[in-house]
C-alpha atoms as a PDB file:
ATOM      1  CA  MET A   1      31.249  26.000  26.289  1.00  0.00           C
ATOM      2  CA  ALA A   2      29.364  26.521  23.141  1.00  0.00           C
ATOM      3  CA  ARG A   3      31.245  25.598  19.841  1.00  0.00           C
ATOM      4  CA  ILE A   4      30.768  29.238  18.827  1.00  0.00           C
ATOM      5  CA  CYS A   5      33.344  31.261  16.887  1.00  0.00           C
ATOM      6  CA  GLU A   6      33.587  34.907  18.549  1.00  0.00           C
ATOM      7  CA  LEU A   7      34.262  36.787  15.835  1.00  0.00           C
ATOM      8  CA  THR A   8      32.349  35.531  12.983  1.00  0.00           C
ATOM      9  CA  GLY A   9      29.000  34.096  15.064  1.00  0.00           C
ATOM     10  CA  LYS A  10      29.643  30.741  13.239  1.00  0.00           C
ATOM     11  CA  ARG A  11      28.157  28.129  15.169  1.00  0.00           C
ATOM     12  CA  PRO A  12      26.657  24.065  13.703  1.00  0.00           C
ATOM     13  CA  ILE A  13      24.403  23.376  11.826  1.00  0.00           C
ATOM     14  CA  LYS A  14      22.420  20.832  10.939  1.00  0.00           C
ATOM     15  CA  GLY A  15      22.924  17.989   8.232  1.00  0.00           C
ATOM     16  CA  ASN A  16      21.929  14.683   6.871  1.00  0.00           C
ATOM     17  CA  ILE A  17      23.630  11.501   5.776  1.00  0.00           C
ATOM     18  CA  ILE A  18      22.245  10.122   3.313  1.00  0.00           C
ATOM     19  CA  TRP A  19      22.854   6.109   2.157  1.00  0.00           C
ATOM     20  CA  ARG A  20      22.111   5.159  -1.139  1.00  0.00           C
ATOM     21  CA  SER A  21      22.092   2.075  -2.934  1.00  0.00           C
ATOM     22  CA  GLY A  22      21.955   0.639  -6.667  1.00  0.00           C
ATOM     23  CA  LYS A  23      24.173   1.342  -9.597  1.00  0.00           C
ATOM     24  CA  ALA A  24      23.346   5.106 -11.474  1.00  0.00           C
ATOM     25  CA  LYS A  25      21.823   5.216 -14.597  1.00  0.00           C
ATOM     26  CA  LYS A  26      24.080   6.361 -17.200  1.00  0.00           C
ATOM     27  CA  THR A  27      26.711   3.688 -15.565  1.00  0.00           C
ATOM     28  CA  GLY A  28      24.533   1.232 -16.627  1.00  0.00           C
ATOM     29  CA  GLY A  29      22.275   0.073 -13.465  1.00  0.00           C
ATOM     30  CA  ILE A  30      18.790   1.082 -13.013  1.00  0.00           C
ATOM     31  CA  GLY A  31      19.458   4.237 -10.527  1.00  0.00           C
ATOM     32  CA  THR A  32      20.539   4.540  -7.014  1.00  0.00           C
ATOM     33  CA  HIS A  33      17.360   4.563  -4.078  1.00  0.00           C
ATOM     34  CA  VAL A  34      17.792   6.312  -0.861  1.00  0.00           C
ATOM     35  CA  THR A  35      17.909   3.550   1.966  1.00  0.00           C
ATOM     36  CA  ALA A  36      18.650   5.775   4.704  1.00  0.00           C
ATOM     37  CA  ILE A  37      18.882   8.967   6.271  1.00  0.00           C
ATOM     38  CA  THR A  38      20.600   9.923   9.495  1.00  0.00           C
ATOM     39  CA  LYS A  39      20.415  13.234  11.367  1.00  0.00           C
ATOM     40  CA  ARG A  40      24.196  14.651  11.740  1.00  0.00           C
ATOM     41  CA  LYS A  41      26.069  17.997  12.966  1.00  0.00           C
ATOM     42  CA  PHE A  42      28.567  19.994  10.701  1.00  0.00           C
ATOM     43  CA  HIS A  43      30.740  21.046  13.037  1.00  0.00           C
ATOM     44  CA  VAL A  44      32.883  24.564  13.066  1.00  0.00           C
ATOM     45  CA  ASN A  45      36.717  23.976  12.812  1.00  0.00           C
ATOM     46  CA  LEU A  46      37.404  26.443  16.055  1.00  0.00           C
ATOM     47  CA  GLN A  47      40.959  27.169  16.948  1.00  0.00           C
ATOM     48  CA  ARG A  48      42.197  28.454  20.507  1.00  0.00           C
ATOM     49  CA  VAL A  49      44.205  31.560  20.046  1.00  0.00           C
ATOM     50  CA  LYS A  50      45.985  34.163  22.101  1.00  0.00           C
ATOM     51  CA  ALA A  51      44.829  37.574  20.694  1.00  0.00           C
ATOM     52  CA  LEU A  52      45.243  40.953  21.123  1.00  0.00           C
ATOM     53  CA  MET A  53      41.949  42.399  22.162  1.00  0.00           C
ATOM     54  CA  PRO A  54      40.880  46.078  20.446  1.00  0.00           C
ATOM     55  CA  ASN A  55      41.627  47.708  24.249  1.00  0.00           C
ATOM     56  CA  GLY A  56      45.276  46.609  24.398  1.00  0.00           C
ATOM     57  CA  GLU A  57      44.257  43.123  26.642  1.00  0.00           C
ATOM     58  CA  VAL A  58      45.771  39.712  26.113  1.00  0.00           C
ATOM     59  CA  ARG A  59      43.289  36.734  25.579  1.00  0.00           C
ATOM     60  CA  TYR A  60      42.493  33.080  24.584  1.00  0.00           C
ATOM     61  CA  ILE A  61      39.738  33.663  22.168  1.00  0.00           C
ATOM     62  CA  ARG A  62      38.282  30.397  20.288  1.00  0.00           C
ATOM     63  CA  VAL A  63      38.357  31.563  16.482  1.00  0.00           C
ATOM     64  CA  ALA A  64      37.055  29.761  13.233  1.00  0.00           C
ATOM     65  CA  ALA A  65      40.097  28.767  11.465  1.00  0.00           C
ATOM     66  CA  SER A  66      38.608  30.636   8.356  1.00  0.00           C
ATOM     67  CA  ALA A  67      38.408  33.616  10.428  1.00  0.00           C
ATOM     68  CA  LEU A  68      42.414  33.108  10.827  1.00  0.00           C
ATOM     69  CA  LYS A  69      42.735  32.880   7.663  1.00  0.00           C
ATOM     70  CA  GLN A  70      41.066  35.931   6.563  1.00  0.00           C
ATOM     71  CA  GLY A  71      43.292  37.477   8.862  1.00  0.00           C
ATOM     72  CA  LEU A  72      40.682  38.941  11.247  1.00  0.00           C
ATOM     73  CA  VAL A  73      42.725  38.267  14.397  1.00  0.00           C
ATOM     74  CA  THR A  74      45.498  40.228  15.950  1.00  0.00           C
ATOM     75  CA  LYS A  75      48.068  37.568  17.589  1.00  0.00           C
ATOM     76  CA  ALA A  76      49.426  39.109  20.783  1.00  0.00           C
ATOM     77  CA  PRO A  77      52.985  39.663  20.852  1.00  0.00           C
ATOM     78  CA  LYS A  78      55.713  37.466  22.112  1.00  0.00           C
ATOM     79  CA  ARG A  79      56.667  37.348  25.707  1.00  0.00           C
ATOM     80  CA  THR A  80      59.642  39.158  26.485  1.00  0.00           C
ATOM     81  CA  TRP A  81      59.685  39.095  30.309  1.00  0.00           C
ATOM     82  CA  LYS A  82      60.052  35.768  32.637  1.00  0.00           C
ATOM     83  CA  LYS A  83      57.717  35.036  35.471  1.00  0.00           C
ATOM     84  CA  GLY A  84      60.318  35.393  38.100  1.00  0.00           C
ATOM     85  CA  ASP A  85      60.957  39.229  36.960  1.00  0.00           C
ATOM     86  CA  GLU A  86      57.538  40.506  37.804  1.00  0.00           C
ATOM     87  CA  VAL A  87      58.038  39.977  41.521  1.00  0.00           C
ATOM     88  CA  LYS A  88      61.831  41.261  41.231  1.00  0.00           C
ATOM     89  CA  LYS A  89      60.267  44.424  40.296  1.00  0.00           C
ATOM     90  CA  LYS A  90      57.588  44.821  42.590  1.00  0.00           C
ATOM     91  CA  ALA A  91      60.205  44.219  45.634  1.00  0.00           C
END
């Protein structure tokens, strides 16, 4: 599965890790120098949440934590019936 938020469309972005050596000039050194640059990825903080969809359906979706904080997700109501009760009603 792709690491993409189903609501906001956030996805991993590329970046770099930059190693520096030396002491900064303002602290008495001769300045810092870049010694290596390595590629990396910034991943989205995805959470698996049971949500109520706009059409009334309840399902699990993968959502970014920032979307949860913004209140973009309406969480599904707690289940009141037990698993065995459903079979008894049909019989």
